[in-house]
Amino acid sequence: MALRINDTIPNLTVETDLGSFALHDYFGDSWGIIFSHPKDFTPVCTTEFGAVAQLADEWEKRGTKVLGVSVDAVAEHKEWKADIEGHAKAKAGFPIVADVDLELSKAFDMLPAEAYLPDGRTPADTASVRSVFIISPDKKVQLMMTYPMSVGRNFAEVLRALDGLQATYGTPIATPANWEKGQDVIAALSLDDAQAKEKFGEMRVELPYLRWVKEPG
């Protein structure tokens, strides 16, 4: 069954280089990011894992736990982490799921049910395991993005999207194109003008459906 935004993530028990745990237990009451990769010891993936390691303080500031996924074994993950940390000059302290049976990749709709790992496989065999999922504290998917193997992910954009999701979570606002934290936001259309002004204070009406307010908090 396909996984969609607002679906609850499956509570799989996964094996990682830092031990085994159930996904819901790992994320707890935190926000979560799952980012997946088709194979260890590949160039683009190494730079991406390095970028995530370098952002450790930013994830912590946002109360967010990150979880890597790669369809290789724990022993390979541990060896690969040395390369990642050497490249990034930062500790990769987050766990990496050893998804050798493809259970997580299939449950998160990154691979079809009939997919398998052939002998002598290459990254192309699992090329679609190149996704980012942002998960809210209620264990629901809030954002999904998938990249091809040739294009490295922009983790500044992942941070920006996380900021937007946290700003709008449970609050009747939306963020505009290219929004950065601290900029004005848009009052949701679920509020009429009087309700929006009462909730947010000053409001600038550009169009009847485009009403700007200060970011709450």
N, C-alpha and C. Protein backbone atom coordinates (compact mmCIF):
# COMPACT_ATOMS: atom_id res chain seq x y z
N MET A 1 0.85 -1.20 0.00
CA MET A 1 0.00 0.00 0.00
C MET A 1 0.88 1.24 0.00
N ALA A 2 0.56 2.21 -0.83
CA ALA A 2 1.37 3.41 -0.96
C ALA A 2 1.30 4.26 0.31
N LEU A 3 2.41 4.89 0.65
CA LEU A 3 2.47 5.80 1.79
C LEU A 3 2.27 7.21 1.29
N ARG A 4 1.40 7.97 1.93
CA ARG A 4 1.07 9.32 1.50
C ARG A 4 1.21 10.30 2.66
N ILE A 5 1.22 11.58 2.34
CA ILE A 5 1.26 12.60 3.37
C ILE A 5 0.06 12.44 4.30
N ASN A 6 0.32 12.58 5.58
CA ASN A 6 -0.64 12.41 6.68
C ASN A 6 -0.89 10.96 7.05
N ASP A 7 -0.24 10.01 6.37
CA ASP A 7 -0.29 8.62 6.80
C ASP A 7 0.65 8.42 7.99
N THR A 8 0.26 7.53 8.89
CA THR A 8 1.14 7.15 10.00
C THR A 8 2.20 6.19 9.49
N ILE A 9 3.45 6.44 9.84
CA ILE A 9 4.51 5.55 9.37
C ILE A 9 4.37 4.18 10.02
N PRO A 10 4.72 3.11 9.30
CA PRO A 10 4.66 1.78 9.91
C PRO A 10 5.67 1.65 11.04
N ASN A 11 5.26 0.96 12.09
CA ASN A 11 6.13 0.83 13.26
C ASN A 11 7.02 -0.41 13.11
N LEU A 12 7.89 -0.36 12.10
CA LEU A 12 8.79 -1.47 11.84
C LEU A 12 9.88 -1.55 12.90
N THR A 13 10.30 -2.76 13.21
CA THR A 13 11.51 -2.95 14.01
C THR A 13 12.67 -3.11 13.04
N VAL A 14 13.67 -2.25 13.18
CA VAL A 14 14.76 -2.21 12.21
C VAL A 14 16.09 -2.49 12.89
N GLU A 15 17.01 -3.04 12.13
CA GLU A 15 18.37 -3.26 12.60
C GLU A 15 19.25 -2.15 12.05
N THR A 16 20.06 -1.54 12.89
CA THR A 16 20.93 -0.45 12.48
C THR A 16 22.33 -0.69 13.01
N ASP A 17 23.26 0.16 12.60
CA ASP A 17 24.62 0.06 13.12
C ASP A 17 24.71 0.45 14.59
N LEU A 18 23.64 1.03 15.14
CA LEU A 18 23.61 1.42 16.56
C LEU A 18 22.59 0.60 17.34
N GLY A 19 22.23 -0.57 16.81
CA GLY A 19 21.31 -1.44 17.51
C GLY A 19 19.95 -1.53 16.82
N SER A 20 19.07 -2.36 17.40
CA SER A 20 17.73 -2.56 16.85
C SER A 20 16.70 -1.79 17.67
N PHE A 21 15.66 -1.30 16.99
CA PHE A 21 14.59 -0.59 17.68
C PHE A 21 13.38 -0.48 16.75
N ALA A 22 12.22 -0.20 17.35
CA ALA A 22 11.02 0.09 16.57
C ALA A 22 11.04 1.57 16.18
N LEU A 23 10.57 1.88 14.99
CA LEU A 23 10.61 3.26 14.51
C LEU A 23 9.89 4.22 15.44
N HIS A 24 8.71 3.84 15.93
CA HIS A 24 7.96 4.75 16.79
C HIS A 24 8.71 5.01 18.10
N ASP A 25 9.39 4.00 18.60
CA ASP A 25 10.17 4.19 19.82
C ASP A 25 11.36 5.11 19.56
N TYR A 26 12.00 4.96 18.42
CA TYR A 26 13.17 5.78 18.11
C TYR A 26 12.79 7.26 18.02
N PHE A 27 11.74 7.56 17.30
CA PHE A 27 11.36 8.97 17.12
C PHE A 27 10.67 9.54 18.36
N GLY A 28 9.97 8.70 19.12
CA GLY A 28 9.34 9.17 20.34
C GLY A 28 8.44 10.35 20.08
N ASP A 29 8.61 11.42 20.87
CA ASP A 29 7.81 12.64 20.71
C ASP A 29 8.52 13.68 19.86
N SER A 30 9.60 13.29 19.21
CA SER A 30 10.38 14.22 18.40
C SER A 30 9.85 14.30 16.97
N TRP A 31 10.28 15.32 16.26
CA TRP A 31 10.17 15.31 14.82
C TRP A 31 11.21 14.33 14.29
N GLY A 32 10.98 13.82 13.10
CA GLY A 32 11.91 12.85 12.55
C GLY A 32 12.18 13.07 11.08
N ILE A 33 13.38 12.68 10.66
CA ILE A 33 13.74 12.69 9.24
C ILE A 33 14.33 11.33 8.90
N ILE A 34 13.76 10.69 7.90
CA ILE A 34 14.32 9.47 7.34
C ILE A 34 14.87 9.81 5.96
N PHE A 35 16.14 9.49 5.72
CA PHE A 35 16.71 9.74 4.40
C PHE A 35 17.40 8.47 3.93
N SER A 36 17.10 8.07 2.71
CA SER A 36 17.49 6.74 2.24
C SER A 36 18.47 6.80 1.08
N HIS A 37 19.21 5.69 0.94
CA HIS A 37 20.28 5.61 -0.05
C HIS A 37 20.31 4.22 -0.66
N PRO A 38 20.64 4.11 -1.95
CA PRO A 38 20.59 2.80 -2.62
C PRO A 38 21.77 1.89 -2.34
N LYS A 39 22.90 2.44 -1.81
CA LYS A 39 24.06 1.58 -1.58
C LYS A 39 25.13 2.34 -0.79
N ASP A 40 25.84 1.61 0.06
CA ASP A 40 26.99 2.19 0.76
C ASP A 40 28.15 2.38 -0.21
N PHE A 41 29.12 3.19 0.22
CA PHE A 41 30.36 3.42 -0.53
C PHE A 41 30.08 3.96 -1.94
N THR A 42 29.12 4.87 -2.03
CA THR A 42 28.83 5.55 -3.30
C THR A 42 29.09 7.04 -3.10
N PRO A 43 29.51 7.75 -4.15
CA PRO A 43 30.03 9.11 -3.97
C PRO A 43 29.00 10.14 -3.52
N VAL A 44 27.87 10.22 -4.22
CA VAL A 44 26.88 11.24 -3.86
C VAL A 44 26.34 10.98 -2.46
N CYS A 45 26.05 9.72 -2.17
CA CYS A 45 25.51 9.37 -0.86
C CYS A 45 26.48 9.71 0.26
N THR A 46 27.75 9.54 0.03
CA THR A 46 28.75 9.87 1.04
C THR A 46 28.72 11.36 1.36
N THR A 47 28.60 12.20 0.33
CA THR A 47 28.53 13.64 0.59
C THR A 47 27.24 14.01 1.31
N GLU A 48 26.15 13.29 1.01
CA GLU A 48 24.86 13.59 1.66
C GLU A 48 24.87 13.19 3.12
N PHE A 49 25.37 11.99 3.41
CA PHE A 49 25.49 11.58 4.81
C PHE A 49 26.41 12.54 5.56
N GLY A 50 27.46 12.99 4.89
CA GLY A 50 28.35 13.96 5.51
C GLY A 50 27.64 15.27 5.82
N ALA A 51 26.79 15.73 4.91
CA ALA A 51 26.04 16.97 5.14
C ALA A 51 25.10 16.82 6.34
N VAL A 52 24.47 15.66 6.46
CA VAL A 52 23.59 15.43 7.60
C VAL A 52 24.39 15.42 8.90
N ALA A 53 25.57 14.83 8.88
CA ALA A 53 26.42 14.81 10.07
C ALA A 53 26.83 16.22 10.48
N GLN A 54 27.15 17.06 9.51
CA GLN A 54 27.56 18.42 9.80
C GLN A 54 26.43 19.27 10.39
N LEU A 55 25.20 18.86 10.19
CA LEU A 55 24.04 19.61 10.67
C LEU A 55 23.51 19.09 12.00
N ALA A 56 24.31 18.32 12.72
CA ALA A 56 23.84 17.72 13.98
C ALA A 56 23.26 18.76 14.94
N ASP A 57 23.92 19.91 15.07
CA ASP A 57 23.42 20.93 15.99
C ASP A 57 22.09 21.50 15.52
N GLU A 58 21.91 21.61 14.21
CA GLU A 58 20.65 22.15 13.67
C GLU A 58 19.50 21.19 13.91
N TRP A 59 19.73 19.89 13.75
CA TRP A 59 18.66 18.93 14.05
C TRP A 59 18.29 19.01 15.52
N GLU A 60 19.31 19.11 16.38
CA GLU A 60 19.03 19.16 17.82
C GLU A 60 18.23 20.40 18.19
N LYS A 61 18.58 21.55 17.60
CA LYS A 61 17.84 22.79 17.88
C LYS A 61 16.36 22.63 17.56
N ARG A 62 16.07 21.85 16.56
CA ARG A 62 14.70 21.69 16.08
C ARG A 62 14.01 20.46 16.68
N GLY A 63 14.64 19.84 17.66
CA GLY A 63 14.03 18.68 18.30
C GLY A 63 13.75 17.55 17.33
N THR A 64 14.72 17.29 16.45
CA THR A 64 14.51 16.36 15.34
C THR A 64 15.56 15.25 15.38
N LYS A 65 15.09 14.01 15.25
CA LYS A 65 15.98 12.86 15.15
C LYS A 65 16.08 12.43 13.69
N VAL A 66 17.29 12.15 13.25
CA VAL A 66 17.48 11.70 11.87
C VAL A 66 17.82 10.22 11.85
N LEU A 67 17.43 9.57 10.76
CA LEU A 67 17.64 8.15 10.60
C LEU A 67 18.00 7.87 9.15
N GLY A 68 19.20 7.36 8.93
CA GLY A 68 19.62 6.98 7.59
C GLY A 68 19.11 5.58 7.25
N VAL A 69 19.00 5.32 5.97
CA VAL A 69 18.60 4.00 5.48
C VAL A 69 19.48 3.66 4.29
N SER A 70 20.03 2.46 4.26
CA SER A 70 20.73 1.97 3.08
C SER A 70 20.52 0.47 3.01
N VAL A 71 20.44 -0.05 1.79
CA VAL A 71 20.10 -1.47 1.63
C VAL A 71 21.37 -2.34 1.63
N ASP A 72 22.22 -2.11 2.62
CA ASP A 72 23.40 -2.92 2.87
C ASP A 72 23.40 -3.34 4.33
N ALA A 73 24.37 -4.13 4.73
CA ALA A 73 24.39 -4.73 6.06
C ALA A 73 25.06 -3.81 7.08
N VAL A 74 24.87 -4.15 8.36
CA VAL A 74 25.42 -3.37 9.46
C VAL A 74 26.93 -3.24 9.36
N ALA A 75 27.63 -4.31 9.05
CA ALA A 75 29.09 -4.26 8.98
C ALA A 75 29.55 -3.26 7.94
N GLU A 76 28.87 -3.20 6.81
CA GLU A 76 29.22 -2.24 5.77
C GLU A 76 28.92 -0.82 6.23
N HIS A 77 27.80 -0.64 6.93
CA HIS A 77 27.47 0.70 7.44
C HIS A 77 28.57 1.22 8.36
N LYS A 78 29.04 0.36 9.25
CA LYS A 78 30.06 0.79 10.21
C LYS A 78 31.35 1.18 9.48
N GLU A 79 31.71 0.42 8.48
CA GLU A 79 32.93 0.73 7.71
C GLU A 79 32.73 2.01 6.90
N TRP A 80 31.55 2.15 6.32
CA TRP A 80 31.27 3.33 5.49
C TRP A 80 31.28 4.61 6.34
N LYS A 81 30.82 4.52 7.59
CA LYS A 81 30.78 5.71 8.43
C LYS A 81 32.16 6.34 8.60
N ALA A 82 33.21 5.53 8.58
CA ALA A 82 34.56 6.09 8.67
C ALA A 82 34.84 6.98 7.48
N ASP A 83 34.41 6.56 6.29
CA ASP A 83 34.57 7.39 5.09
C ASP A 83 33.75 8.67 5.21
N ILE A 84 32.52 8.54 5.67
CA ILE A 84 31.62 9.69 5.81
C ILE A 84 32.22 10.72 6.74
N GLU A 85 32.69 10.26 7.89
CA GLU A 85 33.24 11.18 8.89
C GLU A 85 34.55 11.79 8.42
N GLY A 86 35.34 11.02 7.67
CA GLY A 86 36.57 11.57 7.11
C GLY A 86 36.28 12.66 6.09
N HIS A 87 35.26 12.45 5.27
CA HIS A 87 34.88 13.46 4.28
C HIS A 87 34.29 14.70 4.95
N ALA A 88 33.37 14.49 5.91
CA ALA A 88 32.62 15.60 6.49
C ALA A 88 33.36 16.31 7.61
N LYS A 89 34.38 15.66 8.16
CA LYS A 89 35.07 16.19 9.36
C LYS A 89 34.05 16.41 10.48
N ALA A 90 33.10 15.49 10.58
CA ALA A 90 32.05 15.56 11.60
C ALA A 90 31.61 14.14 11.94
N LYS A 91 31.18 13.95 13.17
CA LYS A 91 30.74 12.62 13.61
C LYS A 91 29.35 12.33 13.05
N ALA A 92 29.19 11.16 12.47
CA ALA A 92 27.89 10.71 11.99
C ALA A 92 27.24 9.90 13.11
N GLY A 93 26.64 10.58 14.06
CA GLY A 93 26.13 9.94 15.26
C GLY A 93 24.75 9.33 15.12
N PHE A 94 24.12 9.50 13.99
CA PHE A 94 22.78 8.96 13.77
C PHE A 94 22.87 7.50 13.29
N PRO A 95 21.84 6.71 13.55
CA PRO A 95 21.86 5.31 13.09
C PRO A 95 21.55 5.20 11.60
N ILE A 96 22.01 4.12 11.00
CA ILE A 96 21.70 3.79 9.61
C ILE A 96 21.04 2.42 9.59
N VAL A 97 19.82 2.36 9.08
CA VAL A 97 19.11 1.09 8.99
C VAL A 97 19.79 0.19 7.96
N ALA A 98 19.96 -1.07 8.33
CA ALA A 98 20.48 -2.08 7.41
C ALA A 98 19.26 -2.76 6.76
N ASP A 99 18.79 -2.18 5.67
CA ASP A 99 17.54 -2.63 5.05
C ASP A 99 17.80 -3.70 3.99
N VAL A 100 18.54 -4.74 4.38
CA VAL A 100 18.95 -5.75 3.41
C VAL A 100 17.77 -6.58 2.89
N ASP A 101 16.70 -6.67 3.69
CA ASP A 101 15.52 -7.41 3.22
C ASP A 101 14.52 -6.49 2.52
N LEU A 102 14.86 -5.21 2.41
CA LEU A 102 14.05 -4.20 1.71
C LEU A 102 12.71 -3.95 2.38
N GLU A 103 12.55 -4.38 3.64
CA GLU A 103 11.25 -4.21 4.30
C GLU A 103 10.87 -2.74 4.42
N LEU A 104 11.81 -1.91 4.90
CA LEU A 104 11.50 -0.49 5.06
C LEU A 104 11.31 0.18 3.70
N SER A 105 12.17 -0.13 2.75
CA SER A 105 12.07 0.49 1.42
C SER A 105 10.73 0.20 0.76
N LYS A 106 10.23 -1.01 0.95
CA LYS A 106 8.93 -1.36 0.38
C LYS A 106 7.79 -0.76 1.19
N ALA A 107 7.90 -0.75 2.52
CA ALA A 107 6.84 -0.20 3.36
C ALA A 107 6.66 1.29 3.13
N PHE A 108 7.76 1.97 2.78
CA PHE A 108 7.69 3.41 2.51
C PHE A 108 7.51 3.70 1.02
N ASP A 109 7.16 2.67 0.25
CA ASP A 109 6.78 2.81 -1.16
C ASP A 109 7.93 3.32 -2.03
N MET A 110 9.17 3.00 -1.63
CA MET A 110 10.32 3.38 -2.47
C MET A 110 10.65 2.28 -3.48
N LEU A 111 10.20 1.07 -3.22
CA LEU A 111 10.43 -0.06 -4.12
C LEU A 111 9.13 -0.86 -4.24
N PRO A 112 8.90 -1.50 -5.37
CA PRO A 112 7.71 -2.35 -5.51
C PRO A 112 7.83 -3.62 -4.67
N ALA A 113 6.70 -4.23 -4.40
CA ALA A 113 6.66 -5.40 -3.52
C ALA A 113 7.52 -6.54 -4.04
N GLU A 114 7.67 -6.64 -5.36
CA GLU A 114 8.42 -7.76 -5.94
C GLU A 114 9.92 -7.49 -6.05
N ALA A 115 10.38 -6.35 -5.61
CA ALA A 115 11.79 -6.00 -5.72
C ALA A 115 12.66 -6.95 -4.88
N TYR A 116 13.89 -7.20 -5.34
CA TYR A 116 14.83 -8.02 -4.60
C TYR A 116 16.24 -7.53 -4.95
N LEU A 117 17.22 -7.99 -4.17
CA LEU A 117 18.61 -7.60 -4.41
C LEU A 117 19.29 -8.71 -5.20
N PRO A 118 19.59 -8.48 -6.45
CA PRO A 118 20.24 -9.53 -7.25
C PRO A 118 21.71 -9.68 -6.89
N ASP A 119 22.28 -10.83 -7.20
CA ASP A 119 23.71 -11.03 -7.01
C ASP A 119 24.47 -10.02 -7.86
N GLY A 120 25.55 -9.49 -7.30
CA GLY A 120 26.36 -8.53 -8.04
C GLY A 120 25.63 -7.24 -8.34
N ARG A 121 24.69 -6.88 -7.47
CA ARG A 121 23.86 -5.70 -7.74
C ARG A 121 24.69 -4.43 -7.79
N THR A 122 24.14 -3.43 -8.41
CA THR A 122 24.72 -2.08 -8.45
C THR A 122 23.71 -1.12 -7.83
N PRO A 123 24.10 0.14 -7.55
CA PRO A 123 23.14 1.10 -7.02
C PRO A 123 21.92 1.27 -7.91
N ALA A 124 22.07 1.04 -9.20
CA ALA A 124 20.94 1.21 -10.11
C ALA A 124 19.79 0.25 -9.79
N ASP A 125 20.09 -0.89 -9.16
CA ASP A 125 19.04 -1.84 -8.83
C ASP A 125 18.09 -1.32 -7.76
N THR A 126 18.57 -0.38 -6.96
CA THR A 126 17.73 0.22 -5.92
C THR A 126 17.76 1.75 -6.02
N ALA A 127 17.79 2.23 -7.25
CA ALA A 127 17.96 3.67 -7.50
C ALA A 127 16.86 4.52 -6.88
N SER A 128 15.67 3.96 -6.73
CA SER A 128 14.56 4.76 -6.19
C SER A 128 14.59 4.90 -4.68
N VAL A 129 15.57 4.24 -4.02
CA VAL A 129 15.73 4.41 -2.58
C VAL A 129 16.59 5.66 -2.36
N ARG A 130 16.01 6.79 -2.69
CA ARG A 130 16.71 8.09 -2.65
C ARG A 130 15.74 9.15 -2.17
N SER A 131 15.08 8.89 -1.04
CA SER A 131 13.99 9.74 -0.59
C SER A 131 14.28 10.38 0.76
N VAL A 132 13.56 11.47 1.04
CA VAL A 132 13.55 12.11 2.35
C VAL A 132 12.10 12.13 2.83
N PHE A 133 11.90 11.72 4.07
CA PHE A 133 10.59 11.80 4.70
C PHE A 133 10.74 12.64 5.97
N ILE A 134 9.88 13.64 6.14
CA ILE A 134 9.83 14.38 7.39
C ILE A 134 8.57 13.94 8.13
N ILE A 135 8.75 13.59 9.40
CA ILE A 135 7.70 12.97 10.19
C ILE A 135 7.43 13.83 11.42
N SER A 136 6.16 14.10 11.68
CA SER A 136 5.78 14.92 12.83
C SER A 136 5.72 14.07 14.10
N PRO A 137 5.62 14.71 15.27
CA PRO A 137 5.64 13.95 16.53
C PRO A 137 4.50 12.94 16.67
N ASP A 138 3.43 13.09 15.89
CA ASP A 138 2.35 12.11 15.94
C ASP A 138 2.60 10.94 14.99
N LYS A 139 3.83 10.85 14.48
CA LYS A 139 4.30 9.73 13.62
C LYS A 139 3.68 9.76 12.22
N LYS A 140 3.24 10.93 11.78
CA LYS A 140 2.64 11.04 10.45
C LYS A 140 3.61 11.69 9.46
N VAL A 141 3.57 11.22 8.22
CA VAL A 141 4.41 11.79 7.17
C VAL A 141 3.90 13.19 6.83
N GLN A 142 4.81 14.16 6.89
CA GLN A 142 4.45 15.54 6.56
C GLN A 142 5.03 16.00 5.24
N LEU A 143 6.10 15.36 4.79
CA LEU A 143 6.75 15.77 3.54
C LEU A 143 7.50 14.57 2.98
N MET A 144 7.51 14.48 1.65
CA MET A 144 8.28 13.45 0.95
C MET A 144 8.96 14.08 -0.25
N MET A 145 10.21 13.74 -0.49
CA MET A 145 10.89 14.18 -1.70
C MET A 145 11.85 13.08 -2.14
N THR A 146 11.94 12.86 -3.45
CA THR A 146 12.79 11.81 -4.00
C THR A 146 13.68 12.39 -5.09
N TYR A 147 14.96 12.06 -5.04
CA TYR A 147 15.96 12.57 -5.97
C TYR A 147 16.56 11.42 -6.78
N PRO A 148 17.02 11.70 -7.99
CA PRO A 148 17.78 10.69 -8.74
C PRO A 148 19.19 10.56 -8.18
N MET A 149 19.89 9.50 -8.57
CA MET A 149 21.23 9.26 -8.04
C MET A 149 22.23 10.33 -8.46
N SER A 150 21.97 11.01 -9.56
CA SER A 150 22.94 11.97 -10.09
C SER A 150 22.86 13.35 -9.44
N VAL A 151 21.85 13.59 -8.64
CA VAL A 151 21.64 14.93 -8.06
C VAL A 151 21.67 14.83 -6.54
N GLY A 152 22.68 15.44 -5.93
CA GLY A 152 22.78 15.44 -4.48
C GLY A 152 21.69 16.29 -3.85
N ARG A 153 21.19 15.82 -2.74
CA ARG A 153 20.11 16.54 -2.06
C ARG A 153 20.62 17.80 -1.37
N ASN A 154 19.75 18.80 -1.33
CA ASN A 154 20.07 20.09 -0.71
C ASN A 154 19.52 20.06 0.71
N PHE A 155 20.40 19.83 1.69
CA PHE A 155 19.91 19.71 3.05
C PHE A 155 19.61 21.06 3.68
N ALA A 156 20.05 22.15 3.07
CA ALA A 156 19.56 23.47 3.49
C ALA A 156 18.07 23.57 3.19
N GLU A 157 17.63 22.99 2.08
CA GLU A 157 16.20 22.97 1.76
C GLU A 157 15.43 22.06 2.71
N VAL A 158 16.04 20.93 3.11
CA VAL A 158 15.38 20.06 4.08
C VAL A 158 15.18 20.81 5.40
N LEU A 159 16.20 21.56 5.83
CA LEU A 159 16.07 22.37 7.04
C LEU A 159 14.99 23.43 6.88
N ARG A 160 14.97 24.09 5.72
CA ARG A 160 13.96 25.13 5.47
C ARG A 160 12.56 24.53 5.51
N ALA A 161 12.40 23.37 4.88
CA ALA A 161 11.09 22.71 4.88
C ALA A 161 10.69 22.29 6.29
N LEU A 162 11.66 21.79 7.07
CA LEU A 162 11.39 21.42 8.45
C LEU A 162 10.94 22.64 9.25
N ASP A 163 11.62 23.78 9.07
CA ASP A 163 11.21 25.01 9.75
C ASP A 163 9.77 25.38 9.38
N GLY A 164 9.44 25.25 8.10
CA GLY A 164 8.09 25.58 7.66
C GLY A 164 7.06 24.65 8.26
N LEU A 165 7.38 23.36 8.29
CA LEU A 165 6.44 22.40 8.87
C LEU A 165 6.25 22.64 10.36
N GLN A 166 7.32 22.95 11.06
CA GLN A 166 7.20 23.19 12.49
C GLN A 166 6.44 24.49 12.77
N ALA A 167 6.63 25.49 11.91
CA ALA A 167 5.92 26.76 12.09
C ALA A 167 4.42 26.60 11.86
N THR A 168 4.04 25.75 10.92
CA THR A 168 2.63 25.63 10.54
C THR A 168 1.92 24.48 11.25
N TYR A 169 2.64 23.65 11.97
CA TYR A 169 2.07 22.46 12.60
C TYR A 169 1.06 22.87 13.68
N GLY A 170 -0.20 22.57 13.45
CA GLY A 170 -1.25 22.90 14.41
C GLY A 170 -1.60 24.36 14.47
N THR A 171 -1.08 25.17 13.55
CA THR A 171 -1.34 26.61 13.52
C THR A 171 -1.92 26.97 12.15
N PRO A 172 -3.00 27.76 12.09
CA PRO A 172 -3.63 28.06 10.80
C PRO A 172 -2.88 29.10 9.97
N ILE A 173 -1.69 28.73 9.56
CA ILE A 173 -0.88 29.56 8.68
C ILE A 173 -0.25 28.68 7.61
N ALA A 174 0.30 29.31 6.59
CA ALA A 174 1.07 28.63 5.56
C ALA A 174 2.28 29.49 5.24
N THR A 175 3.31 28.89 4.65
CA THR A 175 4.50 29.66 4.27
C THR A 175 4.51 29.84 2.75
N PRO A 176 4.94 31.02 2.29
CA PRO A 176 4.97 31.27 0.85
C PRO A 176 6.21 30.66 0.19
N ALA A 177 6.28 30.83 -1.11
CA ALA A 177 7.46 30.37 -1.86
C ALA A 177 8.73 30.99 -1.30
N ASN A 178 9.77 30.18 -1.19
CA ASN A 178 11.10 30.63 -0.78
C ASN A 178 11.15 31.19 0.64
N TRP A 179 10.15 30.87 1.45
CA TRP A 179 10.09 31.39 2.82
C TRP A 179 11.29 30.93 3.64
N GLU A 180 11.77 31.85 4.47
CA GLU A 180 12.81 31.53 5.45
C GLU A 180 12.29 31.90 6.83
N LYS A 181 12.77 31.20 7.84
CA LYS A 181 12.30 31.43 9.19
C LYS A 181 12.47 32.89 9.59
N GLY A 182 11.44 33.47 10.20
CA GLY A 182 11.45 34.87 10.61
C GLY A 182 10.71 35.78 9.65
N GLN A 183 10.48 35.31 8.42
CA GLN A 183 9.73 36.11 7.45
C GLN A 183 8.23 35.97 7.70
N ASP A 184 7.45 36.88 7.10
CA ASP A 184 6.00 36.85 7.25
C ASP A 184 5.43 35.56 6.67
N VAL A 185 4.28 35.17 7.19
CA VAL A 185 3.58 33.96 6.74
C VAL A 185 2.18 34.35 6.27
N ILE A 186 1.45 33.37 5.79
CA ILE A 186 0.13 33.59 5.21
C ILE A 186 -0.94 33.06 6.16
N ALA A 187 -1.94 33.88 6.45
CA ALA A 187 -3.06 33.43 7.27
C ALA A 187 -3.89 32.42 6.48
N ALA A 188 -4.25 31.32 7.11
CA ALA A 188 -5.00 30.27 6.43
C ALA A 188 -6.40 30.74 6.08
N LEU A 189 -6.93 30.21 4.98
CA LEU A 189 -8.26 30.59 4.53
C LEU A 189 -9.36 30.00 5.40
N SER A 190 -8.98 29.13 6.34
CA SER A 190 -9.97 28.62 7.29
C SER A 190 -10.43 29.69 8.27
N LEU A 191 -9.69 30.81 8.34
CA LEU A 191 -10.05 31.95 9.18
C LEU A 191 -10.55 33.08 8.32
N ASP A 192 -11.64 33.71 8.71
CA ASP A 192 -12.04 34.93 8.01
C ASP A 192 -11.18 36.08 8.51
N ASP A 193 -11.36 37.26 7.92
CA ASP A 193 -10.48 38.39 8.27
C ASP A 193 -10.53 38.72 9.75
N ALA A 194 -11.73 38.73 10.32
CA ALA A 194 -11.87 39.08 11.74
C ALA A 194 -11.17 38.05 12.62
N GLN A 195 -11.34 36.79 12.29
CA GLN A 195 -10.69 35.73 13.08
C GLN A 195 -9.18 35.79 12.95
N ALA A 196 -8.70 36.07 11.74
CA ALA A 196 -7.26 36.15 11.53
C ALA A 196 -6.64 37.31 12.30
N LYS A 197 -7.33 38.46 12.27
CA LYS A 197 -6.81 39.63 13.01
C LYS A 197 -6.83 39.38 14.51
N GLU A 198 -7.88 38.71 14.99
CA GLU A 198 -7.96 38.42 16.41
C GLU A 198 -6.85 37.47 16.84
N LYS A 199 -6.52 36.52 15.98
CA LYS A 199 -5.51 35.51 16.34
C LYS A 199 -4.10 36.03 16.16
N PHE A 200 -3.86 36.77 15.06
CA PHE A 200 -2.48 37.13 14.72
C PHE A 200 -2.16 38.61 14.88
N GLY A 201 -3.16 39.45 15.10
CA GLY A 201 -2.91 40.88 15.21
C GLY A 201 -2.88 41.55 13.84
N GLU A 202 -1.89 42.38 13.63
CA GLU A 202 -1.81 43.13 12.37
C GLU A 202 -1.76 42.18 11.17
N MET A 203 -2.51 42.54 10.13
CA MET A 203 -2.56 41.71 8.93
C MET A 203 -2.55 42.60 7.70
N ARG A 204 -1.74 42.23 6.71
CA ARG A 204 -1.68 42.97 5.44
C ARG A 204 -2.39 42.15 4.37
N VAL A 205 -3.46 42.72 3.81
CA VAL A 205 -4.24 42.01 2.81
C VAL A 205 -3.77 42.43 1.42
N GLU A 206 -3.08 41.51 0.74
CA GLU A 206 -2.62 41.78 -0.63
C GLU A 206 -3.69 41.41 -1.63
N LEU A 207 -4.34 40.29 -1.41
CA LEU A 207 -5.46 39.80 -2.19
C LEU A 207 -6.46 39.19 -1.21
N PRO A 208 -7.72 39.06 -1.57
CA PRO A 208 -8.68 38.50 -0.62
C PRO A 208 -8.24 37.15 -0.05
N TYR A 209 -7.45 36.40 -0.80
CA TYR A 209 -7.00 35.08 -0.36
C TYR A 209 -5.52 35.05 -0.01
N LEU A 210 -4.85 36.21 -0.03
CA LEU A 210 -3.41 36.30 0.30
C LEU A 210 -3.23 37.36 1.36
N ARG A 211 -3.18 36.90 2.62
CA ARG A 211 -3.17 37.81 3.77
C ARG A 211 -1.93 37.52 4.62
N TRP A 212 -1.09 38.54 4.78
CA TRP A 212 0.20 38.36 5.41
C TRP A 212 0.13 38.72 6.90
N VAL A 213 0.76 37.87 7.73
CA VAL A 213 0.87 38.13 9.15
C VAL A 213 2.29 37.78 9.60
N LYS A 214 2.65 38.24 10.79
CA LYS A 214 3.96 37.89 11.34
C LYS A 214 3.95 36.43 11.77
N GLU A 215 5.10 35.79 11.63
CA GLU A 215 5.19 34.40 12.07
C GLU A 215 4.90 34.31 13.57
N PRO A 216 3.93 33.53 14.00
CA PRO A 216 3.64 33.42 15.44
C PRO A 216 4.85 32.91 16.21
N GLY A 217 5.01 33.46 17.39
CA GLY A 217 6.08 32.99 18.26
C GLY A 217 7.42 33.59 17.95
